[in-house]
N, C-alpha and C. Protein backbone atom coordinates (compact mmCIF):
# COMPACT_ATOMS: atom_id res chain seq x y z
N UNK A 1 32.78 35.54 -4.64
CA UNK A 1 32.50 34.92 -2.98
C UNK A 1 30.95 34.51 -2.93
N UNK A 2 31.32 33.78 -2.05
CA UNK A 2 29.87 32.70 -1.93
C UNK A 2 29.11 33.38 -0.68
N UNK A 3 27.59 33.74 -1.06
CA UNK A 3 26.79 34.53 0.10
C UNK A 3 25.97 33.38 0.91
N UNK A 4 26.17 33.94 1.64
CA UNK A 4 25.95 32.99 3.02
C UNK A 4 24.21 32.99 3.25
N UNK A 5 23.41 31.99 3.42
CA UNK A 5 21.84 32.28 3.73
C UNK A 5 21.48 32.96 5.27
N UNK A 6 22.25 32.79 5.77
CA UNK A 6 21.99 33.45 7.04
C UNK A 6 21.85 34.61 7.17
N UNK A 7 22.74 35.63 6.34
CA UNK A 7 22.45 36.62 5.97
C UNK A 7 21.43 37.47 5.33
N UNK A 8 20.78 36.28 4.56
CA UNK A 8 19.58 36.63 3.30
C UNK A 8 18.35 36.06 3.77
N UNK A 9 18.21 35.52 5.04
CA UNK A 9 17.02 35.32 5.90
C UNK A 9 16.64 36.11 6.79
N UNK A 10 17.28 37.14 7.38
CA UNK A 10 16.77 38.23 8.11
C UNK A 10 16.22 39.56 6.86
N UNK A 11 17.38 39.35 5.96
CA UNK A 11 16.84 40.52 4.93
C UNK A 11 15.17 40.31 4.25
N UNK A 12 15.27 39.17 4.11
CA UNK A 12 13.57 38.41 3.73
C UNK A 12 12.86 38.53 4.29
N UNK A 13 12.87 38.56 5.90
CA UNK A 13 11.83 38.29 6.49
C UNK A 13 11.47 39.88 6.96
N UNK A 14 12.57 40.50 6.77
CA UNK A 14 12.03 42.45 7.18
C UNK A 14 11.41 42.66 6.05
N UNK A 15 11.67 42.27 4.94
CA UNK A 15 10.65 42.64 3.56
C UNK A 15 9.43 42.27 3.51
N UNK A 16 8.98 41.26 4.09
CA UNK A 16 7.94 40.42 4.48
C UNK A 16 7.11 41.28 5.37
N UNK A 17 7.84 41.41 6.77
CA UNK A 17 6.89 41.88 7.54
C UNK A 17 7.01 43.55 7.16
N UNK A 18 7.73 44.06 6.41
CA UNK A 18 7.22 45.75 5.82
C UNK A 18 6.20 45.56 5.12
N UNK A 19 5.46 44.87 4.29
CA UNK A 19 4.55 44.55 3.45
C UNK A 19 3.51 44.52 4.44
N UNK A 20 3.62 43.71 5.92
CA UNK A 20 2.31 43.67 6.41
C UNK A 20 1.66 44.59 7.32
N UNK A 21 2.68 45.63 7.79
CA UNK A 21 2.58 46.92 8.70
C UNK A 21 1.50 47.23 8.13
N UNK A 22 1.11 47.98 9.05
CA UNK A 22 -0.05 48.85 8.99
C UNK A 22 0.44 50.51 8.87
N UNK A 23 -0.31 51.53 8.24
CA UNK A 23 0.15 52.75 8.69
C UNK A 23 -1.43 53.06 9.75
N UNK A 24 -1.03 54.52 9.97
CA UNK A 24 -1.46 55.35 11.05
C UNK A 24 -3.33 55.71 10.38
N UNK A 25 -2.92 55.58 9.12
CA UNK A 25 -4.34 56.06 8.25
C UNK A 25 -4.92 54.85 8.10
N UNK A 26 -4.31 53.88 7.75
CA UNK A 26 -5.31 52.31 7.96
C UNK A 26 -5.41 51.88 8.97
N UNK A 27 -4.83 52.09 10.15
CA UNK A 27 -5.18 52.21 11.56
C UNK A 27 -6.36 52.91 11.89
N UNK A 28 -6.42 54.46 11.40
CA UNK A 28 -7.69 54.92 12.15
C UNK A 28 -8.94 54.87 11.27
N UNK A 29 -8.70 54.42 10.03
CA UNK A 29 -9.78 53.69 9.13
C UNK A 29 -10.37 52.92 9.89
N UNK A 30 -9.84 51.71 10.64
CA UNK A 30 -10.09 50.91 11.11
C UNK A 30 -10.96 50.85 12.34
N UNK A 31 -10.35 52.29 12.75
CA UNK A 31 -10.36 52.45 14.65
C UNK A 31 -12.25 53.02 14.05
N UNK A 32 -11.99 54.23 12.97
CA UNK A 32 -13.48 54.87 12.73
C UNK A 32 -14.79 53.53 12.42
N UNK A 33 -14.45 52.72 11.82
CA UNK A 33 -15.05 51.48 11.48
C UNK A 33 -15.59 50.43 12.80
N UNK A 34 -14.92 50.53 13.66
CA UNK A 34 -14.71 49.77 14.95
C UNK A 34 -15.67 50.47 15.74
N UNK A 35 -15.58 51.90 15.69
CA UNK A 35 -16.52 52.95 16.51
C UNK A 35 -18.08 53.31 15.68
N UNK A 36 -18.31 53.04 14.67
CA UNK A 36 -19.00 52.91 13.56
C UNK A 36 -20.32 51.46 14.26
N UNK A 37 -19.36 50.40 14.55
CA UNK A 37 -19.73 49.20 14.91
C UNK A 37 -20.67 49.39 15.91
N UNK A 38 -19.54 49.65 16.93
CA UNK A 38 -20.01 49.49 18.14
C UNK A 38 -21.23 50.87 18.61
N UNK A 39 -21.16 51.87 17.67
CA UNK A 39 -22.64 52.94 18.33
C UNK A 39 -23.89 52.32 17.55
N UNK A 40 -23.66 51.36 16.89
CA UNK A 40 -25.15 50.83 16.25
C UNK A 40 -26.36 50.48 17.20
N UNK A 41 -26.07 50.10 18.25
CA UNK A 41 -27.21 49.83 19.20
C UNK A 41 -27.80 51.31 19.65
N UNK A 42 -27.13 52.29 19.40
CA UNK A 42 -27.67 53.50 19.96
C UNK A 42 -27.90 54.72 18.84
N UNK A 43 -27.30 54.34 17.49
CA UNK A 43 -27.67 55.58 16.89
C UNK A 43 -27.58 54.54 15.52
N UNK A 44 -28.64 55.36 14.44
CA UNK A 44 -28.42 55.12 12.97
C UNK A 44 -27.50 55.48 12.27
N UNK A 45 -26.67 56.92 12.43
CA UNK A 45 -25.51 57.00 11.87
C UNK A 45 -24.30 57.26 12.66
N UNK A 46 -23.45 56.92 11.94
CA UNK A 46 -21.72 56.65 12.53
C UNK A 46 -21.71 58.04 12.90
N UNK A 47 -20.91 58.30 14.46
CA UNK A 47 -20.78 59.56 15.27
C UNK A 47 -19.76 60.19 14.60
N UNK A 48 -18.61 59.63 13.86
CA UNK A 48 -17.78 60.25 13.36
C UNK A 48 -18.01 60.45 11.90
N UNK A 49 -17.02 61.49 11.15
CA UNK A 49 -17.75 61.79 9.96
C UNK A 49 -16.67 60.70 9.01
N UNK A 50 -16.91 60.84 7.60
CA UNK A 50 -16.40 59.69 6.97
C UNK A 50 -15.12 60.13 6.78
N UNK A 51 -14.22 59.01 6.57
CA UNK A 51 -12.52 59.03 6.77
C UNK A 51 -12.36 58.11 5.37
N UNK A 52 -11.02 59.23 4.69
CA UNK A 52 -10.79 58.71 3.24
C UNK A 52 -9.12 58.49 3.47
N UNK A 53 -8.97 57.21 3.79
CA UNK A 53 -7.45 56.62 3.92
C UNK A 53 -6.65 56.99 3.12
N UNK A 54 -7.22 56.94 1.88
CA UNK A 54 -6.05 57.19 0.82
C UNK A 54 -5.88 58.73 0.90
N UNK A 55 -6.59 59.64 1.00
CA UNK A 55 -6.48 61.09 1.02
C UNK A 55 -5.29 60.96 2.32
N UNK A 56 -5.55 60.36 3.41
CA UNK A 56 -4.88 60.52 4.42
C UNK A 56 -3.22 60.09 4.04
N UNK A 57 -3.16 59.16 3.72
CA UNK A 57 -2.12 58.48 3.26
C UNK A 57 -0.85 59.49 2.28
N UNK A 58 -1.86 60.06 1.30
CA UNK A 58 -0.97 61.45 0.56
C UNK A 58 -0.63 62.20 0.91
N UNK A 59 -1.22 62.82 1.96
CA UNK A 59 -0.92 63.91 2.75
C UNK A 59 -0.32 63.75 4.22
N UNK A 60 -0.16 62.39 4.89
CA UNK A 60 0.42 62.08 6.08
C UNK A 60 1.68 62.93 6.41
N UNK A 61 2.46 63.10 5.42
CA UNK A 61 3.65 63.96 5.97
C UNK A 61 3.55 64.92 6.32
N UNK A 62 2.77 65.61 5.95
CA UNK A 62 2.40 67.16 6.83
C UNK A 62 2.15 66.68 8.42
N UNK A 63 2.24 65.91 9.13
CA UNK A 63 2.04 65.49 10.07
C UNK A 63 3.29 65.11 10.53
N UNK A 64 3.85 65.61 11.91
CA UNK A 64 5.16 65.96 12.54
C UNK A 64 5.11 64.67 13.48
N UNK A 65 5.87 64.21 14.56
CA UNK A 65 6.14 63.51 15.26
C UNK A 65 5.01 63.35 16.41
N UNK A 66 5.06 64.52 17.20
CA UNK A 66 3.65 64.44 17.68
C UNK A 66 2.45 64.22 17.41
N UNK A 67 2.38 64.78 16.31
CA UNK A 67 1.18 64.79 15.77
C UNK A 67 0.91 62.97 15.65
N UNK A 68 1.47 62.10 14.91
CA UNK A 68 1.40 60.83 15.25
C UNK A 68 1.70 60.49 16.58
N UNK A 69 2.05 60.76 17.10
CA UNK A 69 1.81 60.49 18.61
C UNK A 69 0.28 60.62 19.18
N UNK A 70 -0.03 61.76 18.71
CA UNK A 70 -1.71 61.92 19.35
C UNK A 70 -2.64 61.29 18.15
N UNK A 71 -2.09 60.90 17.27
CA UNK A 71 -3.16 60.01 16.31
C UNK A 71 -3.27 58.93 16.98
N UNK A 72 -1.95 58.28 17.45
CA UNK A 72 -1.80 56.86 17.81
C UNK A 72 -2.46 56.72 19.17
N UNK A 73 -2.64 57.64 19.92
CA UNK A 73 -3.66 57.83 20.98
C UNK A 73 -4.72 57.90 20.79
N UNK A 74 -5.04 58.16 19.96
CA UNK A 74 -6.67 58.75 19.50
C UNK A 74 -7.08 57.38 18.98
N UNK A 75 -5.86 56.62 18.44
CA UNK A 75 -6.58 55.22 17.43
C UNK A 75 -6.89 54.37 19.05
N UNK A 76 -6.11 54.18 19.45
CA UNK A 76 -5.96 53.69 20.74
C UNK A 76 -7.16 53.71 21.64
N UNK A 77 -7.64 54.86 22.11
CA UNK A 77 -8.85 55.68 22.81
C UNK A 77 -10.04 54.81 21.86
N UNK A 78 -10.04 55.31 20.84
CA UNK A 78 -11.18 54.72 19.91
C UNK A 78 -11.36 52.95 20.09
N UNK A 79 -10.52 52.36 20.04
CA UNK A 79 -10.21 51.08 19.91
C UNK A 79 -10.78 50.48 21.61
N UNK A 80 -10.60 51.00 22.72
CA UNK A 80 -11.22 50.93 23.77
C UNK A 80 -12.48 51.21 24.09
N UNK A 81 -12.99 51.85 23.11
CA UNK A 81 -14.10 52.31 23.57
C UNK A 81 -15.09 50.59 23.85
N UNK A 82 -16.32 50.80 24.69
CA UNK A 82 -16.65 49.46 24.18
C UNK A 82 -18.25 49.95 23.48
N UNK A 83 -19.39 48.67 23.63
CA UNK A 83 -20.28 49.18 22.52
C UNK A 83 -21.05 49.92 22.99
N UNK A 84 -21.89 50.68 22.65
CA UNK A 84 -22.72 51.62 23.11
C UNK A 84 -24.14 50.94 23.60
N UNK A 85 -24.75 51.20 25.04
CA UNK A 85 -25.65 50.51 25.23
C UNK A 85 -26.81 51.09 25.33
N UNK A 86 -28.09 51.03 25.16
CA UNK A 86 -29.16 52.05 24.55
C UNK A 86 -29.59 52.45 26.17
N UNK A 87 -29.44 53.57 26.21
CA UNK A 87 -29.83 54.47 27.35
C UNK A 87 -28.59 54.74 27.86
N UNK A 88 -27.65 54.62 27.34
CA UNK A 88 -26.34 55.03 27.79
C UNK A 88 -25.11 56.04 26.59
N UNK A 89 -26.31 56.36 25.87
CA UNK A 89 -25.80 57.30 24.89
C UNK A 89 -24.72 58.75 25.11
N UNK A 90 -25.65 59.06 26.34
CA UNK A 90 -24.49 60.39 26.78
C UNK A 90 -23.06 59.69 27.33
N UNK A 91 -22.96 58.69 28.00
CA UNK A 91 -21.78 58.42 28.48
C UNK A 91 -20.73 57.91 26.96
N UNK A 92 -21.53 57.39 26.18
CA UNK A 92 -20.56 56.89 24.79
C UNK A 92 -20.22 57.86 24.02
N UNK A 93 -21.23 58.80 24.00
CA UNK A 93 -20.65 59.94 22.96
C UNK A 93 -19.60 60.67 23.73
N UNK A 94 -19.55 60.86 25.27
CA UNK A 94 -18.55 61.62 26.38
C UNK A 94 -17.36 60.72 25.91
N UNK A 95 -17.24 59.49 25.92
CA UNK A 95 -15.93 58.76 25.71
C UNK A 95 -15.58 59.23 24.22
N UNK A 96 -16.17 59.05 23.41
CA UNK A 96 -15.64 59.52 21.89
C UNK A 96 -15.21 60.73 21.92
N UNK A 97 -15.79 61.76 22.59
CA UNK A 97 -15.19 63.21 22.86
C UNK A 97 -13.55 63.35 23.51
N UNK A 98 -13.87 62.20 24.51
CA UNK A 98 -12.55 62.27 25.24
C UNK A 98 -11.43 61.93 24.32
N UNK A 99 -11.77 60.97 23.25
CA UNK A 99 -10.55 60.36 22.62
C UNK A 99 -10.25 61.49 21.37
N UNK A 100 -11.28 62.31 21.12
CA UNK A 100 -11.04 63.62 20.61
C UNK A 100 -10.14 64.72 21.02
N UNK A 101 -9.81 64.43 22.65
CA UNK A 101 -9.24 65.31 23.18
C UNK A 101 -7.49 65.06 22.97
N UNK A 102 -7.05 63.93 21.90
CA UNK A 102 -5.92 63.93 21.44
C UNK A 102 -5.57 64.95 20.37
N UNK A 103 -5.29 65.94 20.59
CA UNK A 103 -5.39 66.86 19.26
C UNK A 103 -4.23 67.05 18.55
N UNK A 104 -4.78 67.32 16.98
CA UNK A 104 -3.50 67.14 15.93
C UNK A 104 -3.28 68.72 15.85
N UNK A 105 -2.58 68.85 15.38
CA UNK A 105 -1.85 70.40 14.72
C UNK A 105 -2.71 70.38 13.72
N UNK A 106 -3.12 71.69 13.59
CA UNK A 106 -3.93 72.32 12.52
C UNK A 106 -3.67 72.15 11.25
N UNK A 107 -2.38 71.82 11.02
CA UNK A 107 -1.60 71.55 9.51
C UNK A 107 -1.81 70.18 9.13
N UNK A 108 -1.87 69.02 10.56
CA UNK A 108 -1.87 67.90 10.40
C UNK A 108 -3.40 67.51 9.72
N UNK A 109 -4.05 68.15 10.64
CA UNK A 109 -5.76 67.87 10.98
C UNK A 109 -6.17 68.12 9.29
N UNK A 110 -6.18 69.36 8.83
CA UNK A 110 -6.43 69.90 7.41
C UNK A 110 -5.63 68.93 6.68
N UNK A 111 -4.75 68.14 6.64
CA UNK A 111 -4.13 67.62 5.33
C UNK A 111 -4.64 66.03 5.12
N UNK A 112 -4.85 65.42 6.81
CA UNK A 112 -5.66 64.21 6.65
C UNK A 112 -7.01 64.15 6.50
N UNK A 113 -7.62 65.11 6.80
CA UNK A 113 -9.00 65.18 7.29
C UNK A 113 -9.94 65.55 5.76
């Protein structure tokens, strides 16, 4: 039986695209790096703790669907932050605190951080 090329094309595209998808852990690592860069005009050290994306990847299964939704919301919040302006550090750090209000379960947080 001859296989049609039109059937293989979507499978090949899906395989290529799945290799390009980032994970929540990669996205969180990128968001932490973004916050560190945005905070440089105001502070010498990044305001968020060090984050190990590999540890997160190994333990992400400990996070349920609600945790993943909260994590996505936290990432989006971090990425929306503007760059810290000297003299406006308090507002910048309050915005980070607001992003952190997307609370993960204790099990998830302990597993990925």
